[in-house]
Amino acid sequence: MKNWVIQYVYATEKNEQGVSILEVQAETLEEAKEIAVQKAAAEEYIFNVYPQSDEQFLGTVKHQASMLVGKGETAESEE
């Protein structure tokens, strides 16, 4: 299993830009994308999927803070 980071960008109900970051485990990029579609943050969205890396920093602090206060999300693959 590999760890993947999914970043969603979507319009909120207030017509503002929403951003959501999700960590998932999947064997392949295609499986990670399927999970991304299932766990979408909104009805209409765009998303990017990246393999998790120690070199990533964009959004990491915000995501870790969200996890600490219970607002972040980590998804497990359903096998």
Protein backbone atom coordinates (compact mmCIF):
# COMPACT_ATOMS: atom_id res chain seq x y z
CA MET A 1 0.00 0.00 0.00
CA LYS A 2 1.15 3.51 -0.80
CA ASN A 3 0.09 6.72 0.88
CA TRP A 4 -1.50 9.33 -1.38
CA VAL A 5 -2.49 12.94 -0.80
CA ILE A 6 -5.65 14.22 -2.48
CA GLN A 7 -6.28 17.95 -2.70
CA TYR A 8 -9.76 19.12 -3.66
CA VAL A 9 -10.74 22.61 -4.78
CA TYR A 10 -14.47 23.37 -4.89
CA ALA A 11 -17.02 26.17 -4.55
CA THR A 12 -18.67 26.48 -1.14
CA GLU A 13 -22.32 27.33 -0.54
CA LYS A 14 -21.21 30.95 -0.01
CA ASN A 15 -19.65 30.85 -3.50
CA GLU A 16 -16.14 30.96 -2.06
CA GLN A 17 -13.23 28.68 -2.88
CA GLY A 18 -12.97 25.68 -0.60
CA VAL A 19 -9.87 23.52 -0.26
CA SER A 20 -9.78 20.09 1.33
CA ILE A 21 -6.82 17.74 1.77
CA LEU A 22 -7.29 14.02 2.31
CA GLU A 23 -4.74 11.26 2.91
CA VAL A 24 -5.57 7.78 1.61
CA GLN A 25 -3.90 4.43 1.16
CA ALA A 26 -4.10 2.65 -2.19
CA GLU A 27 -1.93 0.38 -4.33
CA THR A 28 -2.08 2.49 -7.50
CA LEU A 29 -2.79 6.01 -8.69
CA GLU A 30 -6.00 4.77 -10.33
CA GLU A 31 -7.23 3.30 -7.01
CA ALA A 32 -6.38 6.57 -5.25
CA LYS A 33 -8.38 8.49 -7.86
CA GLU A 34 -11.38 6.18 -7.34
CA ILE A 35 -11.24 6.87 -3.60
CA ALA A 36 -10.95 10.59 -4.36
CA VAL A 37 -14.19 10.50 -6.36
CA GLN A 38 -15.97 8.55 -3.60
CA LYS A 39 -14.80 10.93 -0.86
CA ALA A 40 -15.34 14.17 -2.79
CA ALA A 41 -15.75 17.28 -0.68
CA ALA A 42 -18.56 18.69 -2.84
CA GLU A 43 -20.77 17.85 -5.80
CA GLU A 44 -18.58 19.81 -8.24
CA TYR A 45 -14.84 19.88 -7.68
CA ILE A 46 -11.41 19.42 -9.17
CA PHE A 47 -8.73 17.39 -7.48
CA ASN A 48 -5.07 16.40 -7.67
CA VAL A 49 -3.58 13.15 -6.37
CA TYR A 50 0.07 12.95 -5.34
CA PRO A 51 2.16 10.21 -3.74
CA GLN A 52 2.90 11.24 -0.17
CA SER A 53 6.46 12.43 0.33
CA ASP A 54 8.57 13.81 3.15
CA GLU A 55 9.47 16.65 0.78
CA GLN A 56 5.89 17.95 0.60
CA PHE A 57 5.16 21.11 2.50
CA LEU A 58 2.34 22.95 0.70
CA GLY A 59 -0.70 22.69 2.96
CA THR A 60 1.01 20.36 5.44
CA VAL A 61 0.83 22.70 8.43
CA LYS A 62 -2.83 23.54 7.78
CA HIS A 63 -3.68 19.86 7.30
CA GLN A 64 -1.85 18.80 10.49
CA ALA A 65 -3.61 21.56 12.44
CA SER A 66 -6.97 20.43 11.06
CA MET A 67 -6.21 16.86 12.13
CA LEU A 68 -5.34 18.04 15.66
CA VAL A 69 -8.65 19.86 16.11
CA GLY A 70 -10.68 17.08 14.54
CA LYS A 71 -11.50 18.81 11.26
CA GLY A 72 -9.09 16.89 9.02
CA GLU A 73 -9.82 13.52 7.51
CA THR A 74 -7.84 10.38 6.73
CA ALA A 75 -9.58 7.73 4.67
CA GLU A 76 -8.86 4.03 4.75
CA SER A 77 -9.33 2.01 1.60
CA GLU A 78 -12.19 -0.45 1.75
CA GLU A 79 -10.99 -3.84 0.59
